[in-house]
Amino acid sequence: MPQDPMDQPLRIFVGYDSREDIAWQVCRASILRHSAPDLEIRPLKLTTLRTAGLYYRHDDRATTEFSLTRFLTPHLSAAQNGWSIFVDCDFLFTTDIRNVLSHVSQDNAVHVVQHDYVPTAATKMEGQVQVTYPRKNWSSFMVFNNGHPDVRALTPAVVNSAPPSHLHRLEWVADQKQIGALPFAWNFLVGEYARPARLPFGIHYTNGGPWFEACQGVDFAAEWRAERDRYLASLEGWSAECG
């Protein structure tokens, strides 16, 4: 009898960009606040991965430091079975991230929110060029089935040699029908979709979040700032206890 995904190990890797350290910190805090403490959450730091010899390509022309390192997630999870998650650092979670596993199937290699849109703005993140391409933002939140043969074949050698389009468009999945679809609430694109009546599970500040001066007025900015303030207050409390 197949094991319930909710009972399987889960490791989460968050894209890290040195220009957005606070975004990673708040993303992690939001995950931990809503989830059981047994989750393992790690940042994907480019310098660490290079030092470890896991990432060595030098042809990056990406807007973030984790553009391609995200595809090392299954390898880094060190699990032959079970599930692992990659998520961009510019997310805020409002529910237990483990609940996303209620939407997965062992038959699929990877699960994503299958966006179909054209960006409304020409720039993002305080002036960076907004690039349009097929399956844009599919790879910003991925749930990997670590036991699937196509995921096991996503080795560091492939990540370091395959064209970026091959990786981001999930062309490494041999049977494209094995790309599972997640509900849109798990990767809600702020600024690209109309603000919903209900709070999304995963709020994605894809064009820039309120940690940027120019993005203070985006949808759900207040929710991000509230999470940031809780996180900073917890640091102050910890410092006071240790002082």
C-alpha atoms as a PDB file:
ATOM      1  CA  MET A   1       0.000   0.000   0.000  1.00  0.00           C
ATOM      2  CA  PRO A   2       1.511   3.374  -1.053  1.00  0.00           C
ATOM      3  CA  GLN A   3       2.601   5.603   1.802  1.00  0.00           C
ATOM      4  CA  ASP A   4       0.531   8.730   2.404  1.00  0.00           C
ATOM      5  CA  PRO A   5       2.535  11.732   1.097  1.00  0.00           C
ATOM      6  CA  MET A   6       1.604  13.652   4.248  1.00  0.00           C
ATOM      7  CA  ASP A   7       3.516  11.068   6.315  1.00  0.00           C
ATOM      8  CA  GLN A   8       6.667  11.097   4.173  1.00  0.00           C
ATOM      9  CA  PRO A   9       9.859  13.109   4.805  1.00  0.00           C
ATOM     10  CA  LEU A  10       9.843  16.659   3.468  1.00  0.00           C
ATOM     11  CA  ARG A  11      12.803  18.934   2.866  1.00  0.00           C
ATOM     12  CA  ILE A  12      12.417  22.513   1.682  1.00  0.00           C
ATOM     13  CA  PHE A  13      15.015  24.545  -0.171  1.00  0.00           C
ATOM     14  CA  VAL A  14      14.542  28.285  -0.541  1.00  0.00           C
ATOM     15  CA  GLY A  15      16.270  30.264  -3.265  1.00  0.00           C
ATOM     16  CA  TYR A  16      18.754  32.684  -1.715  1.00  0.00           C
ATOM     17  CA  ASP A  17      19.901  35.955  -3.243  1.00  0.00           C
ATOM     18  CA  SER A  18      22.394  38.086  -1.319  1.00  0.00           C
ATOM     19  CA  ARG A  19      20.431  41.188  -2.351  1.00  0.00           C
ATOM     20  CA  GLU A  20      17.277  39.850  -0.705  1.00  0.00           C
ATOM     21  CA  ASP A  21      18.420  38.313   2.581  1.00  0.00           C
ATOM     22  CA  ILE A  22      15.376  39.633   4.458  1.00  0.00           C
ATOM     23  CA  ALA A  23      13.072  38.005   1.895  1.00  0.00           C
ATOM     24  CA  TRP A  24      14.604  34.577   2.615  1.00  0.00           C
ATOM     25  CA  GLN A  25      14.397  35.155   6.361  1.00  0.00           C
ATOM     26  CA  VAL A  26      10.720  36.113   6.251  1.00  0.00           C
ATOM     27  CA  CYS A  27       9.823  33.312   3.830  1.00  0.00           C
ATOM     28  CA  ARG A  28      11.414  30.797   6.197  1.00  0.00           C
ATOM     29  CA  ALA A  29       9.705  32.377   9.228  1.00  0.00           C
ATOM     30  CA  SER A  30       6.302  32.162   7.548  1.00  0.00           C
ATOM     31  CA  ILE A  31       6.813  28.466   6.772  1.00  0.00           C
ATOM     32  CA  LEU A  32       7.898  27.650  10.307  1.00  0.00           C
ATOM     33  CA  ARG A  33       5.107  29.636  11.944  1.00  0.00           C
ATOM     34  CA  HIS A  34       2.417  27.556  10.240  1.00  0.00           C
ATOM     35  CA  SER A  35       4.120  24.157  10.207  1.00  0.00           C
ATOM     36  CA  ALA A  36       5.310  21.418  12.532  1.00  0.00           C
ATOM     37  CA  PRO A  37       8.886  21.920  13.764  1.00  0.00           C
ATOM     38  CA  ASP A  38      10.183  18.779  12.029  1.00  0.00           C
ATOM     39  CA  LEU A  39      10.559  20.525   8.674  1.00  0.00           C
ATOM     40  CA  GLU A  40      14.088  20.971   7.350  1.00  0.00           C
ATOM     41  CA  ILE A  41      14.493  24.313   5.571  1.00  0.00           C
ATOM     42  CA  ARG A  42      17.721  25.343   3.880  1.00  0.00           C
ATOM     43  CA  PRO A  43      18.760  28.318   1.747  1.00  0.00           C
ATOM     44  CA  LEU A  44      20.261  27.624  -1.673  1.00  0.00           C
ATOM     45  CA  LYS A  45      23.346  29.840  -1.442  1.00  0.00           C
ATOM     46  CA  LEU A  46      25.322  30.162  -4.660  1.00  0.00           C
ATOM     47  CA  THR A  47      28.700  30.572  -2.951  1.00  0.00           C
ATOM     48  CA  THR A  48      28.161  27.465  -0.819  1.00  0.00           C
ATOM     49  CA  LEU A  49      27.133  25.356  -3.809  1.00  0.00           C
ATOM     50  CA  ARG A  50      30.139  26.526  -5.811  1.00  0.00           C
ATOM     51  CA  THR A  51      32.507  25.764  -2.937  1.00  0.00           C
ATOM     52  CA  ALA A  52      31.000  22.279  -2.645  1.00  0.00           C
ATOM     53  CA  GLY A  53      31.555  21.703  -6.372  1.00  0.00           C
ATOM     54  CA  LEU A  54      27.864  21.172  -7.025  1.00  0.00           C
ATOM     55  CA  TYR A  55      27.408  24.241  -9.204  1.00  0.00           C
ATOM     56  CA  TYR A  56      30.129  25.335 -11.600  1.00  0.00           C
ATOM     57  CA  ARG A  57      28.520  26.818 -14.696  1.00  0.00           C
ATOM     58  CA  HIS A  58      29.523  30.394 -15.501  1.00  0.00           C
ATOM     59  CA  ASP A  59      27.154  31.386 -18.284  1.00  0.00           C
ATOM     60  CA  ASP A  60      24.388  32.712 -16.018  1.00  0.00           C
ATOM     61  CA  ARG A  61      22.566  35.820 -17.181  1.00  0.00           C
ATOM     62  CA  ALA A  62      19.785  35.534 -14.649  1.00  0.00           C
ATOM     63  CA  THR A  63      18.029  38.032 -12.409  1.00  0.00           C
ATOM     64  CA  THR A  64      18.634  35.950  -9.255  1.00  0.00           C
ATOM     65  CA  GLU A  65      21.530  33.941  -7.841  1.00  0.00           C
ATOM     66  CA  PHE A  66      19.348  30.833  -7.630  1.00  0.00           C
ATOM     67  CA  SER A  67      17.964  30.820 -11.146  1.00  0.00           C
ATOM     68  CA  LEU A  68      19.423  27.399 -11.971  1.00  0.00           C
ATOM     69  CA  THR A  69      20.628  26.112  -8.614  1.00  0.00           C
ATOM     70  CA  ARG A  70      16.973  25.402  -7.749  1.00  0.00           C
ATOM     71  CA  PHE A  71      17.183  22.260  -9.857  1.00  0.00           C
ATOM     72  CA  LEU A  72      19.732  20.812  -7.429  1.00  0.00           C
ATOM     73  CA  THR A  73      16.929  20.439  -4.870  1.00  0.00           C
ATOM     74  CA  PRO A  74      16.304  16.692  -5.406  1.00  0.00           C
ATOM     75  CA  HIS A  75      20.035  15.940  -5.243  1.00  0.00           C
ATOM     76  CA  LEU A  76      20.456  17.989  -2.064  1.00  0.00           C
ATOM     77  CA  SER A  77      17.489  16.322  -0.402  1.00  0.00           C
ATOM     78  CA  ALA A  78      19.515  13.107  -0.309  1.00  0.00           C
ATOM     79  CA  ALA A  79      16.368  11.010  -0.424  1.00  0.00           C
ATOM     80  CA  GLN A  80      15.605   8.108  -2.723  1.00  0.00           C
ATOM     81  CA  ASN A  81      11.924   8.509  -1.973  1.00  0.00           C
ATOM     82  CA  GLY A  82       9.658  11.072  -0.430  1.00  0.00           C
ATOM     83  CA  TRP A  83       9.222  14.687  -1.450  1.00  0.00           C
ATOM     84  CA  SER A  84      11.266  17.858  -1.600  1.00  0.00           C
ATOM     85  CA  ILE A  85      10.189  21.419  -2.307  1.00  0.00           C
ATOM     86  CA  PHE A  86      11.893  24.350  -3.939  1.00  0.00           C
ATOM     87  CA  VAL A  87      10.467  27.838  -3.490  1.00  0.00           C
ATOM     88  CA  ASP A  88      11.685  31.307  -4.481  1.00  0.00           C
ATOM     89  CA  CYS A  89      12.656  33.539  -1.560  1.00  0.00           C
ATOM     90  CA  ASP A  90      10.011  36.135  -2.473  1.00  0.00           C
ATOM     91  CA  PHE A  91       7.146  34.016  -1.109  1.00  0.00           C
ATOM     92  CA  LEU A  92       5.028  34.396   2.002  1.00  0.00           C
ATOM     93  CA  PHE A  93       3.134  31.349   3.260  1.00  0.00           C
ATOM     94  CA  THR A  94      -0.122  31.654   5.146  1.00  0.00           C
ATOM     95  CA  THR A  95      -0.803  27.975   5.880  1.00  0.00           C
ATOM     96  CA  ASP A  96       1.062  24.752   6.638  1.00  0.00           C
ATOM     97  CA  ILE A  97       3.222  24.114   3.554  1.00  0.00           C
ATOM     98  CA  ARG A  98       2.864  20.382   4.112  1.00  0.00           C
ATOM     99  CA  ASN A  99      -0.775  20.700   3.045  1.00  0.00           C
ATOM    100  CA  VAL A 100       0.415  20.999  -0.560  1.00  0.00           C
ATOM    101  CA  LEU A 101       1.170  17.280  -0.407  1.00  0.00           C
ATOM    102  CA  SER A 102      -2.571  16.586  -0.408  1.00  0.00           C
ATOM    103  CA  HIS A 103      -2.464  17.506  -4.123  1.00  0.00           C
ATOM    104  CA  VAL A 104       0.435  15.312  -5.249  1.00  0.00           C
ATOM    105  CA  SER A 105       0.536  11.926  -6.948  1.00  0.00           C
ATOM    106  CA  GLN A 106       3.269   9.300  -6.970  1.00  0.00           C
ATOM    107  CA  ASP A 107       2.682   8.977 -10.721  1.00  0.00           C
ATOM    108  CA  ASN A 108       4.034  12.472 -11.376  1.00  0.00           C
ATOM    109  CA  ALA A 109       7.666  13.597 -11.437  1.00  0.00           C
ATOM    110  CA  VAL A 110       7.077  17.139 -10.260  1.00  0.00           C
ATOM    111  CA  HIS A 111       4.114  19.325  -9.304  1.00  0.00           C
ATOM    112  CA  VAL A 112       3.815  23.042 -10.067  1.00  0.00           C
ATOM    113  CA  VAL A 113       1.234  25.755 -10.486  1.00  0.00           C
ATOM    114  CA  GLN A 114       0.819  25.862 -14.252  1.00  0.00           C
ATOM    115  CA  HIS A 115       0.641  29.579 -14.962  1.00  0.00           C
ATOM    116  CA  ASP A 116      -0.383  30.808 -18.415  1.00  0.00           C
ATOM    117  CA  TYR A 117       0.113  34.561 -18.560  1.00  0.00           C
ATOM    118  CA  VAL A 118       2.058  37.430 -20.093  1.00  0.00           C
ATOM    119  CA  PRO A 119       3.718  39.756 -17.537  1.00  0.00           C
ATOM    120  CA  THR A 120       1.966  43.094 -17.181  1.00  0.00           C
ATOM    121  CA  ALA A 121       5.153  45.063 -16.466  1.00  0.00           C
ATOM    122  CA  ALA A 122       8.331  45.529 -18.504  1.00  0.00           C
ATOM    123  CA  THR A 123      10.554  45.535 -15.412  1.00  0.00           C
ATOM    124  CA  LYS A 124      10.638  43.942 -11.978  1.00  0.00           C
ATOM    125  CA  MET A 125      12.667  44.071  -8.746  1.00  0.00           C
ATOM    126  CA  GLU A 126      13.483  47.778  -9.072  1.00  0.00           C
ATOM    127  CA  GLY A 127      14.378  47.965 -12.735  1.00  0.00           C
ATOM    128  CA  GLN A 128      15.422  44.504 -13.888  1.00  0.00           C
ATOM    129  CA  VAL A 129      14.121  43.530 -17.310  1.00  0.00           C
ATOM    130  CA  GLN A 130      11.014  41.334 -17.232  1.00  0.00           C
ATOM    131  CA  VAL A 131      11.564  38.392 -19.563  1.00  0.00           C
ATOM    132  CA  THR A 132       8.626  36.520 -21.080  1.00  0.00           C
ATOM    133  CA  TYR A 133       9.005  32.836 -21.903  1.00  0.00           C
ATOM    134  CA  PRO A 134       6.849  29.675 -22.019  1.00  0.00           C
ATOM    135  CA  ARG A 135       5.885  28.245 -18.632  1.00  0.00           C
ATOM    136  CA  LYS A 136       7.085  31.370 -16.863  1.00  0.00           C
ATOM    137  CA  ASN A 137       7.039  30.971 -13.066  1.00  0.00           C
ATOM    138  CA  TRP A 138       6.280  27.262 -13.200  1.00  0.00           C
ATOM    139  CA  SER A 139       9.662  26.617 -11.582  1.00  0.00           C
ATOM    140  CA  SER A 140       9.254  29.199  -8.810  1.00  0.00           C
ATOM    141  CA  PHE A 141       7.497  26.622  -6.613  1.00  0.00           C
ATOM    142  CA  MET A 142       8.159  22.957  -7.327  1.00  0.00           C
ATOM    143  CA  VAL A 143       7.260  19.810  -5.409  1.00  0.00           C
ATOM    144  CA  PHE A 144       9.655  17.062  -6.512  1.00  0.00           C
ATOM    145  CA  ASN A 145       8.854  13.364  -6.331  1.00  0.00           C
ATOM    146  CA  ASN A 146      12.339  12.194  -5.321  1.00  0.00           C
ATOM    147  CA  GLY A 147      11.657   8.581  -6.233  1.00  0.00           C
ATOM    148  CA  HIS A 148      10.646   9.294  -9.830  1.00  0.00           C
ATOM    149  CA  PRO A 149      13.274   8.207 -12.405  1.00  0.00           C
ATOM    150  CA  ASP A 150      13.190  11.579 -14.199  1.00  0.00           C
ATOM    151  CA  VAL A 151      13.868  13.374 -10.934  1.00  0.00           C
ATOM    152  CA  ARG A 152      16.672  10.980 -10.020  1.00  0.00           C
ATOM    153  CA  ALA A 153      18.179  11.732 -13.439  1.00  0.00           C
ATOM    154  CA  LEU A 154      18.263  15.463 -12.608  1.00  0.00           C
ATOM    155  CA  THR A 155      21.867  15.224 -11.457  1.00  0.00           C
ATOM    156  CA  PRO A 156      24.332  18.078 -10.823  1.00  0.00           C
ATOM    157  CA  ALA A 157      25.918  17.243 -14.201  1.00  0.00           C
ATOM    158  CA  VAL A 158      22.591  17.914 -15.933  1.00  0.00           C
ATOM    159  CA  VAL A 159      21.965  21.100 -13.956  1.00  0.00           C
ATOM    160  CA  ASN A 160      25.412  22.383 -14.913  1.00  0.00           C
ATOM    161  CA  SER A 161      25.153  21.576 -18.610  1.00  0.00           C
ATOM    162  CA  ALA A 162      21.533  21.727 -19.768  1.00  0.00           C
ATOM    163  CA  PRO A 163      20.190  24.915 -21.393  1.00  0.00           C
ATOM    164  CA  PRO A 164      18.273  27.105 -18.922  1.00  0.00           C
ATOM    165  CA  SER A 165      15.135  26.739 -21.052  1.00  0.00           C
ATOM    166  CA  HIS A 166      15.335  22.936 -20.767  1.00  0.00           C
ATOM    167  CA  LEU A 167      15.442  23.214 -16.983  1.00  0.00           C
ATOM    168  CA  HIS A 168      12.853  25.957 -16.411  1.00  0.00           C
ATOM    169  CA  ARG A 169      10.345  24.542 -18.883  1.00  0.00           C
ATOM    170  CA  LEU A 170      10.632  21.149 -17.156  1.00  0.00           C
ATOM    171  CA  GLU A 171      11.626  19.494 -20.417  1.00  0.00           C
ATOM    172  CA  TRP A 172      13.673  17.017 -18.363  1.00  0.00           C
ATOM    173  CA  VAL A 173      10.391  15.262 -17.567  1.00  0.00           C
ATOM    174  CA  ALA A 174      10.230  12.635 -20.319  1.00  0.00           C
ATOM    175  CA  ASP A 175       6.457  12.317 -20.313  1.00  0.00           C
ATOM    176  CA  GLN A 176       5.076  15.839 -19.996  1.00  0.00           C
ATOM    177  CA  LYS A 177       1.818  14.407 -18.692  1.00  0.00           C
ATOM    178  CA  GLN A 178       3.750  13.604 -15.519  1.00  0.00           C
ATOM    179  CA  ILE A 179       3.994  17.295 -14.623  1.00  0.00           C
ATOM    180  CA  GLY A 180       1.299  17.575 -11.975  1.00  0.00           C
ATOM    181  CA  ALA A 181      -0.818  20.711 -11.538  1.00  0.00           C
ATOM    182  CA  LEU A 182      -1.196  22.431  -8.161  1.00  0.00           C
ATOM    183  CA  PRO A 183      -4.001  24.865  -7.237  1.00  0.00           C
ATOM    184  CA  PHE A 184      -3.190  28.500  -8.076  1.00  0.00           C
ATOM    185  CA  ALA A 185      -3.490  29.453  -4.410  1.00  0.00           C
ATOM    186  CA  TRP A 186      -0.063  27.877  -3.813  1.00  0.00           C
ATOM    187  CA  ASN A 187       1.732  30.317  -6.132  1.00  0.00           C
ATOM    188  CA  PHE A 188      -0.339  33.481  -6.368  1.00  0.00           C
ATOM    189  CA  LEU A 189       1.482  36.037  -8.529  1.00  0.00           C
ATOM    190  CA  VAL A 190       1.143  39.468  -6.951  1.00  0.00           C
ATOM    191  CA  GLY A 191       0.650  42.139  -9.600  1.00  0.00           C
ATOM    192  CA  GLU A 192      -0.236  39.631 -12.310  1.00  0.00           C
ATOM    193  CA  TYR A 193      -3.553  38.348 -10.958  1.00  0.00           C
ATOM    194  CA  ALA A 194      -6.421  40.304  -9.431  1.00  0.00           C
ATOM    195  CA  ARG A 195      -6.363  40.245  -5.652  1.00  0.00           C
ATOM    196  CA  PRO A 196      -8.583  37.352  -4.499  1.00  0.00           C
ATOM    197  CA  ALA A 197     -11.196  37.541  -1.772  1.00  0.00           C
ATOM    198  CA  ARG A 198      -9.415  34.826   0.218  1.00  0.00           C
ATOM    199  CA  LEU A 199      -5.800  34.913   1.330  1.00  0.00           C
ATOM    200  CA  PRO A 200      -3.674  32.673  -0.946  1.00  0.00           C
ATOM    201  CA  PHE A 201      -1.652  29.860   0.616  1.00  0.00           C
ATOM    202  CA  GLY A 202       1.549  30.998  -1.099  1.00  0.00           C
ATOM    203  CA  ILE A 203       1.862  34.696  -1.920  1.00  0.00           C
ATOM    204  CA  HIS A 204       4.543  35.280  -4.554  1.00  0.00           C
ATOM    205  CA  TYR A 205       5.847  38.841  -4.908  1.00  0.00           C
ATOM    206  CA  THR A 206       7.203  37.992  -8.345  1.00  0.00           C
ATOM    207  CA  ASN A 207       7.673  41.593  -9.523  1.00  0.00           C
ATOM    208  CA  GLY A 208       9.226  42.765  -6.258  1.00  0.00           C
ATOM    209  CA  GLY A 209       8.082  42.726  -2.659  1.00  0.00           C
ATOM    210  CA  PRO A 210       7.832  45.375   0.053  1.00  0.00           C
ATOM    211  CA  TRP A 211      11.488  44.879   1.029  1.00  0.00           C
ATOM    212  CA  PHE A 212      12.134  47.052  -2.071  1.00  0.00           C
ATOM    213  CA  GLU A 213      11.434  50.770  -1.667  1.00  0.00           C
ATOM    214  CA  ALA A 214       9.568  50.942  -4.983  1.00  0.00           C
ATOM    215  CA  CYS A 215       7.241  48.061  -4.059  1.00  0.00           C
ATOM    216  CA  GLN A 216       5.721  49.276  -0.796  1.00  0.00           C
ATOM    217  CA  GLY A 217       2.196  49.414  -2.205  1.00  0.00           C
ATOM    218  CA  VAL A 218       1.887  45.953  -3.760  1.00  0.00           C
ATOM    219  CA  ASP A 219      -0.975  43.651  -2.821  1.00  0.00           C
ATOM    220  CA  PHE A 220      -0.401  41.803   0.463  1.00  0.00           C
ATOM    221  CA  ALA A 221       2.424  44.154   1.457  1.00  0.00           C
ATOM    222  CA  ALA A 222       0.865  44.547   4.898  1.00  0.00           C
ATOM    223  CA  GLU A 223       0.860  40.785   5.420  1.00  0.00           C
ATOM    224  CA  TRP A 224       4.553  40.561   4.528  1.00  0.00           C
ATOM    225  CA  ARG A 225       5.474  43.439   6.827  1.00  0.00           C
ATOM    226  CA  ALA A 226       3.516  41.853   9.683  1.00  0.00           C
ATOM    227  CA  GLU A 227       5.430  38.589   9.222  1.00  0.00           C
ATOM    228  CA  ARG A 228       8.708  40.507   9.072  1.00  0.00           C
ATOM    229  CA  ASP A 229       7.888  42.354  12.287  1.00  0.00           C
ATOM    230  CA  ARG A 230       7.053  39.081  14.071  1.00  0.00           C
ATOM    231  CA  TYR A 231      10.332  37.618  12.892  1.00  0.00           C
ATOM    232  CA  LEU A 232      12.401  40.630  13.979  1.00  0.00           C
ATOM    233  CA  ALA A 233      10.628  40.692  17.350  1.00  0.00           C
ATOM    234  CA  SER A 234      11.508  37.025  17.870  1.00  0.00           C
ATOM    235  CA  LEU A 235      15.175  37.846  17.257  1.00  0.00           C
ATOM    236  CA  GLU A 236      15.028  40.622  19.839  1.00  0.00           C
ATOM    237  CA  GLY A 237      13.428  38.264  22.335  1.00  0.00           C
ATOM    238  CA  TRP A 238      16.073  35.601  21.710  1.00  0.00           C
ATOM    239  CA  SER A 239      18.843  38.200  22.085  1.00  0.00           C
ATOM    240  CA  ALA A 240      17.375  39.399  25.387  1.00  0.00           C
ATOM    241  CA  GLU A 241      17.215  35.831  26.755  1.00  0.00           C
ATOM    242  CA  CYS A 242      20.846  35.197  25.797  1.00  0.00           C
ATOM    243  CA  GLY A 243      22.071  38.601  26.947  1.00  0.00           C
END
